[in-house]
């Protein structure tokens, strides 16, 4: 992932807060066999410090790829929007000469994978995930020896991803003038489609921290 200096995370807390703020769905990418494309799996995950927790169906073809190469990448992307060219035109330039772009936030984790296949270990992984996704506790006891989860555990495998590197990108035109960024956030909010509002929120958050970007 290419990151311009003005698109880089301001500190580790920025991307950590962004992930914790409900961004818990991403793309697992694993090297495929020689001559084959990577195996790519969309999935929810739970982040615990420097570890990501995932579970997937046992028939998933990703397991064979992971067994061959434990080095994987996990990418989370959100708060994205297409920015029309006229919104980015400099003063005195015809609006049709503006160059469009994409805004987005992305966090890319490089990880070392460990397959979790023992029944109790899988149950514990699920407990930790359910604590995150269903904190009210409105689910049955997760125990290998009890229904309903006991009979379903053989159908899944767990995956622990130990993070070895993190690359975070927040692409919101931070190198552009403050007035232009403020205007773009306003237009995004007015347009209000898809993730426009959350994209505007990220742009204004960065603007509040950065003001005028300096190398």
C-alpha atoms as a PDB file:
ATOM      1  CA  UNK A   1       0.000   0.000   0.000  1.00  0.00           C
ATOM      2  CA  UNK A   2       1.536   3.275  -1.151  1.00  0.00           C
ATOM      3  CA  UNK A   3       1.322   6.040   1.460  1.00  0.00           C
ATOM      4  CA  UNK A   4       2.102   9.678   0.749  1.00  0.00           C
ATOM      5  CA  UNK A   5       3.579  11.577   3.732  1.00  0.00           C
ATOM      6  CA  UNK A   6       0.376  13.592   4.200  1.00  0.00           C
ATOM      7  CA  UNK A   7      -1.756  10.422   4.166  1.00  0.00           C
ATOM      8  CA  UNK A   8       0.174   8.627   6.922  1.00  0.00           C
ATOM      9  CA  UNK A   9      -1.302   7.959  10.350  1.00  0.00           C
ATOM     10  CA  UNK A  10      -0.403  10.744  12.759  1.00  0.00           C
ATOM     11  CA  UNK A  11       0.436   8.181  15.448  1.00  0.00           C
ATOM     12  CA  UNK A  12      -0.407   4.611  16.458  1.00  0.00           C
ATOM     13  CA  UNK A  13      -3.336   5.816  18.549  1.00  0.00           C
ATOM     14  CA  UNK A  14      -5.054   7.150  15.422  1.00  0.00           C
ATOM     15  CA  UNK A  15      -5.364   3.825  13.633  1.00  0.00           C
ATOM     16  CA  UNK A  16      -5.935   1.910  16.877  1.00  0.00           C
ATOM     17  CA  UNK A  17      -8.871   4.180  17.750  1.00  0.00           C
ATOM     18  CA  UNK A  18     -10.224   3.878  14.210  1.00  0.00           C
ATOM     19  CA  UNK A  19     -10.144   0.072  14.373  1.00  0.00           C
ATOM     20  CA  UNK A  20     -11.781   0.060  17.816  1.00  0.00           C
ATOM     21  CA  UNK A  21     -14.530   2.383  16.561  1.00  0.00           C
ATOM     22  CA  UNK A  22     -16.484  -0.417  14.880  1.00  0.00           C
ATOM     23  CA  UNK A  23     -14.112  -1.201  12.014  1.00  0.00           C
ATOM     24  CA  UNK A  24     -13.999  -4.955  12.621  1.00  0.00           C
ATOM     25  CA  UNK A  25     -14.498  -6.396   9.132  1.00  0.00           C
ATOM     26  CA  UNK A  26     -11.664  -6.881   6.659  1.00  0.00           C
ATOM     27  CA  UNK A  27      -9.948  -8.953   3.995  1.00  0.00           C
ATOM     28  CA  UNK A  28      -7.562 -11.824   4.763  1.00  0.00           C
ATOM     29  CA  UNK A  29      -5.009 -12.355   1.964  1.00  0.00           C
ATOM     30  CA  UNK A  30      -2.833 -15.461   1.806  1.00  0.00           C
ATOM     31  CA  UNK A  31      -0.247 -16.466  -0.802  1.00  0.00           C
ATOM     32  CA  UNK A  32      -1.613 -19.052  -3.204  1.00  0.00           C
ATOM     33  CA  UNK A  33       0.316 -22.032  -4.619  1.00  0.00           C
ATOM     34  CA  UNK A  34       2.950 -21.203  -7.273  1.00  0.00           C
ATOM     35  CA  UNK A  35       1.269 -19.918 -10.407  1.00  0.00           C
ATOM     36  CA  UNK A  36      -2.036 -19.340  -8.600  1.00  0.00           C
ATOM     37  CA  UNK A  37      -3.550 -16.053  -7.368  1.00  0.00           C
ATOM     38  CA  UNK A  38      -3.687 -15.195  -3.641  1.00  0.00           C
ATOM     39  CA  UNK A  39      -6.528 -16.654  -1.589  1.00  0.00           C
ATOM     40  CA  UNK A  40      -8.688 -13.771  -0.350  1.00  0.00           C
ATOM     41  CA  UNK A  41     -11.341 -14.084   2.377  1.00  0.00           C
ATOM     42  CA  UNK A  42     -13.691 -11.344   3.670  1.00  0.00           C
ATOM     43  CA  UNK A  43     -14.441 -11.793   7.370  1.00  0.00           C
ATOM     44  CA  UNK A  44     -15.146 -10.202  10.726  1.00  0.00           C
ATOM     45  CA  UNK A  45     -12.296 -10.189  13.226  1.00  0.00           C
ATOM     46  CA  UNK A  46     -11.596  -9.314  16.822  1.00  0.00           C
ATOM     47  CA  UNK A  47      -8.552  -7.209  17.703  1.00  0.00           C
ATOM     48  CA  UNK A  48      -6.822  -7.869  21.028  1.00  0.00           C
ATOM     49  CA  UNK A  49      -3.632  -5.877  21.386  1.00  0.00           C
ATOM     50  CA  UNK A  50      -1.224  -7.146  18.732  1.00  0.00           C
ATOM     51  CA  UNK A  51      -3.397 -10.160  17.868  1.00  0.00           C
ATOM     52  CA  UNK A  52      -6.343 -10.581  15.504  1.00  0.00           C
ATOM     53  CA  UNK A  53      -8.804 -13.441  16.084  1.00  0.00           C
ATOM     54  CA  UNK A  54     -10.797 -15.047  13.252  1.00  0.00           C
ATOM     55  CA  UNK A  55     -12.787 -18.214  12.682  1.00  0.00           C
ATOM     56  CA  UNK A  56     -13.757 -19.708   9.320  1.00  0.00           C
ATOM     57  CA  UNK A  57     -15.527 -22.772   7.985  1.00  0.00           C
ATOM     58  CA  UNK A  58     -13.386 -25.893   7.809  1.00  0.00           C
ATOM     59  CA  UNK A  59     -14.016 -26.402   4.030  1.00  0.00           C
ATOM     60  CA  UNK A  60     -12.615 -22.924   3.274  1.00  0.00           C
ATOM     61  CA  UNK A  61      -9.727 -23.280   0.769  1.00  0.00           C
ATOM     62  CA  UNK A  62      -7.722 -20.706   2.703  1.00  0.00           C
ATOM     63  CA  UNK A  63      -6.534 -23.349   5.205  1.00  0.00           C
ATOM     64  CA  UNK A  64      -4.382 -25.121   2.640  1.00  0.00           C
ATOM     65  CA  UNK A  65      -2.792 -21.830   1.632  1.00  0.00           C
ATOM     66  CA  UNK A  66      -2.099 -20.877   5.263  1.00  0.00           C
ATOM     67  CA  UNK A  67      -0.520 -24.248   5.990  1.00  0.00           C
ATOM     68  CA  UNK A  68       1.871 -23.618   3.088  1.00  0.00           C
ATOM     69  CA  UNK A  69       2.718 -20.038   4.120  1.00  0.00           C
ATOM     70  CA  UNK A  70       1.943 -18.633   7.560  1.00  0.00           C
ATOM     71  CA  UNK A  71       2.794 -15.069   6.486  1.00  0.00           C
ATOM     72  CA  UNK A  72      -0.495 -13.313   5.728  1.00  0.00           C
ATOM     73  CA  UNK A  73      -1.941  -9.837   5.291  1.00  0.00           C
ATOM     74  CA  UNK A  74      -5.178  -8.535   6.779  1.00  0.00           C
ATOM     75  CA  UNK A  75      -6.630  -5.284   5.431  1.00  0.00           C
ATOM     76  CA  UNK A  76      -9.426  -3.120   6.805  1.00  0.00           C
ATOM     77  CA  UNK A  77     -10.856  -0.346   4.612  1.00  0.00           C
ATOM     78  CA  UNK A  78     -13.773   2.018   5.237  1.00  0.00           C
ATOM     79  CA  UNK A  79     -14.903   5.663   5.348  1.00  0.00           C
ATOM     80  CA  UNK A  80     -14.394   5.946   1.606  1.00  0.00           C
ATOM     81  CA  UNK A  81     -15.970   8.137  -1.065  1.00  0.00           C
ATOM     82  CA  UNK A  82     -15.391   9.244  -4.645  1.00  0.00           C
ATOM     83  CA  UNK A  83     -14.492  12.949  -4.869  1.00  0.00           C
ATOM     84  CA  UNK A  84     -15.498  14.600  -8.178  1.00  0.00           C
ATOM     85  CA  UNK A  85     -12.926  16.706 -10.015  1.00  0.00           C
ATOM     86  CA  UNK A  86     -14.787  20.032  -9.694  1.00  0.00           C
ATOM     87  CA  UNK A  87     -14.642  19.764  -5.894  1.00  0.00           C
ATOM     88  CA  UNK A  88     -10.827  19.870  -6.051  1.00  0.00           C
ATOM     89  CA  UNK A  89     -10.329  22.625  -8.634  1.00  0.00           C
ATOM     90  CA  UNK A  90      -7.979  25.448  -7.678  1.00  0.00           C
ATOM     91  CA  UNK A  91      -9.326  29.034  -7.807  1.00  0.00           C
ATOM     92  CA  UNK A  92      -9.258  30.439 -11.340  1.00  0.00           C
ATOM     93  CA  UNK A  93      -9.231  26.978 -12.953  1.00  0.00           C
ATOM     94  CA  UNK A  94     -12.257  25.690 -14.924  1.00  0.00           C
ATOM     95  CA  UNK A  95     -14.181  23.178 -12.768  1.00  0.00           C
ATOM     96  CA  UNK A  96     -13.993  20.593 -15.555  1.00  0.00           C
ATOM     97  CA  UNK A  97     -10.192  20.631 -15.255  1.00  0.00           C
ATOM     98  CA  UNK A  98     -10.329  19.351 -11.669  1.00  0.00           C
ATOM     99  CA  UNK A  99      -8.800  15.952 -10.991  1.00  0.00           C
ATOM    100  CA  UNK A 100     -11.063  13.492  -9.142  1.00  0.00           C
ATOM    101  CA  UNK A 101      -9.770  11.195  -6.413  1.00  0.00           C
ATOM    102  CA  UNK A 102     -10.815   8.672  -3.803  1.00  0.00           C
ATOM    103  CA  UNK A 103     -10.869   9.295  -0.068  1.00  0.00           C
ATOM    104  CA  UNK A 104     -10.503   6.341   2.284  1.00  0.00           C
ATOM    105  CA  UNK A 105      -9.013   4.995   5.479  1.00  0.00           C
ATOM    106  CA  UNK A 106      -7.115   1.706   5.411  1.00  0.00           C
ATOM    107  CA  UNK A 107      -5.124  -0.286   7.942  1.00  0.00           C
ATOM    108  CA  UNK A 108      -2.983  -3.146   6.674  1.00  0.00           C
ATOM    109  CA  UNK A 109      -1.662  -5.730   9.110  1.00  0.00           C
ATOM    110  CA  UNK A 110       1.232  -8.035   8.284  1.00  0.00           C
ATOM    111  CA  UNK A 111       0.776 -11.142  10.409  1.00  0.00           C
ATOM    112  CA  UNK A 112       2.094 -14.552  11.351  1.00  0.00           C
ATOM    113  CA  UNK A 113      -0.776 -17.027  11.384  1.00  0.00           C
ATOM    114  CA  UNK A 114      -1.461 -19.832  13.844  1.00  0.00           C
ATOM    115  CA  UNK A 115      -4.258 -22.316  13.162  1.00  0.00           C
ATOM    116  CA  UNK A 116      -6.429 -23.062  16.197  1.00  0.00           C
ATOM    117  CA  UNK A 117      -7.993 -26.527  15.962  1.00  0.00           C
ATOM    118  CA  UNK A 118      -8.272 -27.993  19.480  1.00  0.00           C
ATOM    119  CA  UNK A 119     -11.920 -27.942  20.637  1.00  0.00           C
ATOM    120  CA  UNK A 120     -11.363 -26.024  23.863  1.00  0.00           C
ATOM    121  CA  UNK A 121      -9.003 -23.553  22.174  1.00  0.00           C
ATOM    122  CA  UNK A 122     -11.608 -22.907  19.481  1.00  0.00           C
ATOM    123  CA  UNK A 123     -14.286 -22.479  22.119  1.00  0.00           C
ATOM    124  CA  UNK A 124     -12.154 -19.917  23.946  1.00  0.00           C
ATOM    125  CA  UNK A 125     -11.519 -18.036  20.701  1.00  0.00           C
ATOM    126  CA  UNK A 126     -15.269 -17.928  20.050  1.00  0.00           C
ATOM    127  CA  UNK A 127     -15.948 -16.732  23.600  1.00  0.00           C
ATOM    128  CA  UNK A 128     -13.569 -13.825  23.092  1.00  0.00           C
ATOM    129  CA  UNK A 129     -15.138 -12.960  19.757  1.00  0.00           C
ATOM    130  CA  UNK A 130     -18.656 -13.133  21.140  1.00  0.00           C
ATOM    131  CA  UNK A 131     -17.661 -10.885  24.041  1.00  0.00           C
ATOM    132  CA  UNK A 132     -16.787  -8.309  21.375  1.00  0.00           C
ATOM    133  CA  UNK A 133     -19.694  -8.811  18.974  1.00  0.00           C
ATOM    134  CA  UNK A 134     -22.468  -9.674  21.456  1.00  0.00           C
ATOM    135  CA  UNK A 135     -21.393  -7.990  24.689  1.00  0.00           C
ATOM    136  CA  UNK A 136     -24.881  -8.378  26.197  1.00  0.00           C
ATOM    137  CA  UNK A 137     -24.203 -12.093  26.529  1.00  0.00           C
ATOM    138  CA  UNK A 138     -27.388 -13.107  24.719  1.00  0.00           C
ATOM    139  CA  UNK A 139     -26.052 -16.446  23.493  1.00  0.00           C
ATOM    140  CA  UNK A 140     -25.727 -20.005  24.771  1.00  0.00           C
ATOM    141  CA  UNK A 141     -22.699 -21.256  26.674  1.00  0.00           C
ATOM    142  CA  UNK A 142     -19.823 -21.986  24.325  1.00  0.00           C
ATOM    143  CA  UNK A 143     -18.595 -25.367  25.503  1.00  0.00           C
ATOM    144  CA  UNK A 144     -17.193 -28.226  23.382  1.00  0.00           C
ATOM    145  CA  UNK A 145     -19.273 -30.709  25.356  1.00  0.00           C
ATOM    146  CA  UNK A 146     -22.598 -28.893  25.271  1.00  0.00           C
ATOM    147  CA  UNK A 147     -25.126 -27.990  22.572  1.00  0.00           C
ATOM    148  CA  UNK A 148     -25.541 -26.002  20.483  1.00  0.00           C
ATOM    149  CA  UNK A 149     -21.903 -24.974  19.967  1.00  0.00           C
ATOM    150  CA  UNK A 150     -20.412 -28.331  20.897  1.00  0.00           C
ATOM    151  CA  UNK A 151     -21.807 -30.019  17.808  1.00  0.00           C
ATOM    152  CA  UNK A 152     -20.823 -27.098  15.547  1.00  0.00           C
ATOM    153  CA  UNK A 153     -17.205 -26.623  16.617  1.00  0.00           C
ATOM    154  CA  UNK A 154     -15.866 -29.434  14.370  1.00  0.00           C
ATOM    155  CA  UNK A 155     -17.153 -27.475  11.362  1.00  0.00           C
ATOM    156  CA  UNK A 156     -14.863 -24.486  11.949  1.00  0.00           C
ATOM    157  CA  UNK A 157     -11.217 -23.715  12.585  1.00  0.00           C
ATOM    158  CA  UNK A 158      -9.839 -20.733  14.450  1.00  0.00           C
ATOM    159  CA  UNK A 159      -7.063 -18.444  13.332  1.00  0.00           C
ATOM    160  CA  UNK A 160      -4.798 -16.320  15.481  1.00  0.00           C
ATOM    161  CA  UNK A 161      -2.919 -13.609  13.593  1.00  0.00           C
ATOM    162  CA  UNK A 162       0.049 -12.179  15.476  1.00  0.00           C
ATOM    163  CA  UNK A 163       0.715  -8.732  14.018  1.00  0.00           C
ATOM    164  CA  UNK A 164       4.324  -8.056  13.010  1.00  0.00           C
ATOM    165  CA  UNK A 165       3.817  -4.764  11.150  1.00  0.00           C
ATOM    166  CA  UNK A 166       1.077  -2.171  10.635  1.00  0.00           C
ATOM    167  CA  UNK A 167       0.679   0.303   7.768  1.00  0.00           C
ATOM    168  CA  UNK A 168      -2.117   2.841   8.148  1.00  0.00           C
ATOM    169  CA  UNK A 169      -3.374   5.341   5.585  1.00  0.00           C
ATOM    170  CA  UNK A 170      -5.911   8.160   5.926  1.00  0.00           C
ATOM    171  CA  UNK A 171      -6.299   9.679   2.451  1.00  0.00           C
ATOM    172  CA  UNK A 172      -8.314  12.885   2.835  1.00  0.00           C
ATOM    173  CA  UNK A 173      -6.405  15.566   0.883  1.00  0.00           C
ATOM    174  CA  UNK A 174      -4.549  16.758   3.964  1.00  0.00           C
ATOM    175  CA  UNK A 175      -1.978  18.513   1.748  1.00  0.00           C
ATOM    176  CA  UNK A 176      -4.689  20.717   0.198  1.00  0.00           C
ATOM    177  CA  UNK A 177      -5.742  24.150   1.546  1.00  0.00           C
ATOM    178  CA  UNK A 178      -7.939  24.205   4.638  1.00  0.00           C
ATOM    179  CA  UNK A 179     -10.748  25.975   2.756  1.00  0.00           C
ATOM    180  CA  UNK A 180     -10.873  23.268   0.099  1.00  0.00           C
ATOM    181  CA  UNK A 181     -10.945  20.446   2.647  1.00  0.00           C
ATOM    182  CA  UNK A 182     -13.702  22.155   4.624  1.00  0.00           C
ATOM    183  CA  UNK A 183     -15.692  22.666   1.425  1.00  0.00           C
ATOM    184  CA  UNK A 184     -15.274  19.038   0.403  1.00  0.00           C
ATOM    185  CA  UNK A 185     -16.478  17.830   3.810  1.00  0.00           C
ATOM    186  CA  UNK A 186     -19.531  20.067   3.475  1.00  0.00           C
ATOM    187  CA  UNK A 187     -20.285  18.723   0.001  1.00  0.00           C
ATOM    188  CA  UNK A 188     -19.896  15.147   1.175  1.00  0.00           C
ATOM    189  CA  UNK A 189     -22.359  15.763   3.998  1.00  0.00           C
ATOM    190  CA  UNK A 190     -24.819  17.399   1.610  1.00  0.00           C
ATOM    191  CA  UNK A 191     -24.507  14.547  -0.902  1.00  0.00           C
ATOM    192  CA  UNK A 192     -25.046  12.040   1.891  1.00  0.00           C
ATOM    193  CA  UNK A 193     -24.805   8.802  -0.068  1.00  0.00           C
ATOM    194  CA  UNK A 194     -23.155   5.548   1.063  1.00  0.00           C
ATOM    195  CA  UNK A 195     -20.233   6.455   3.391  1.00  0.00           C
ATOM    196  CA  UNK A 196     -20.145  10.179   2.531  1.00  0.00           C
ATOM    197  CA  UNK A 197     -20.950  11.375   6.054  1.00  0.00           C
ATOM    198  CA  UNK A 198     -18.407   9.134   7.784  1.00  0.00           C
ATOM    199  CA  UNK A 199     -15.830  10.170   5.162  1.00  0.00           C
ATOM    200  CA  UNK A 200     -16.524  13.839   5.916  1.00  0.00           C
ATOM    201  CA  UNK A 201     -16.166  13.096   9.621  1.00  0.00           C
ATOM    202  CA  UNK A 202     -12.712  11.603   9.061  1.00  0.00           C
ATOM    203  CA  UNK A 203     -11.648  14.534   6.906  1.00  0.00           C
ATOM    204  CA  UNK A 204     -12.729  17.082   9.527  1.00  0.00           C
ATOM    205  CA  UNK A 205     -11.101  15.063  12.307  1.00  0.00           C
ATOM    206  CA  UNK A 206      -7.785  15.110  10.455  1.00  0.00           C
ATOM    207  CA  UNK A 207      -8.248  18.795   9.660  1.00  0.00           C
ATOM    208  CA  UNK A 208      -8.730  19.581  13.345  1.00  0.00           C
ATOM    209  CA  UNK A 209      -5.472  17.823  14.199  1.00  0.00           C
ATOM    210  CA  UNK A 210      -3.366  18.936  11.261  1.00  0.00           C
ATOM    211  CA  UNK A 211      -4.639  22.319  10.126  1.00  0.00           C
ATOM    212  CA  UNK A 212      -2.317  23.249   7.262  1.00  0.00           C
ATOM    213  CA  UNK A 213      -0.138  20.273   6.436  1.00  0.00           C
ATOM    214  CA  UNK A 214       3.616  20.809   6.768  1.00  0.00           C
ATOM    215  CA  UNK A 215       6.334  18.428   5.603  1.00  0.00           C
END
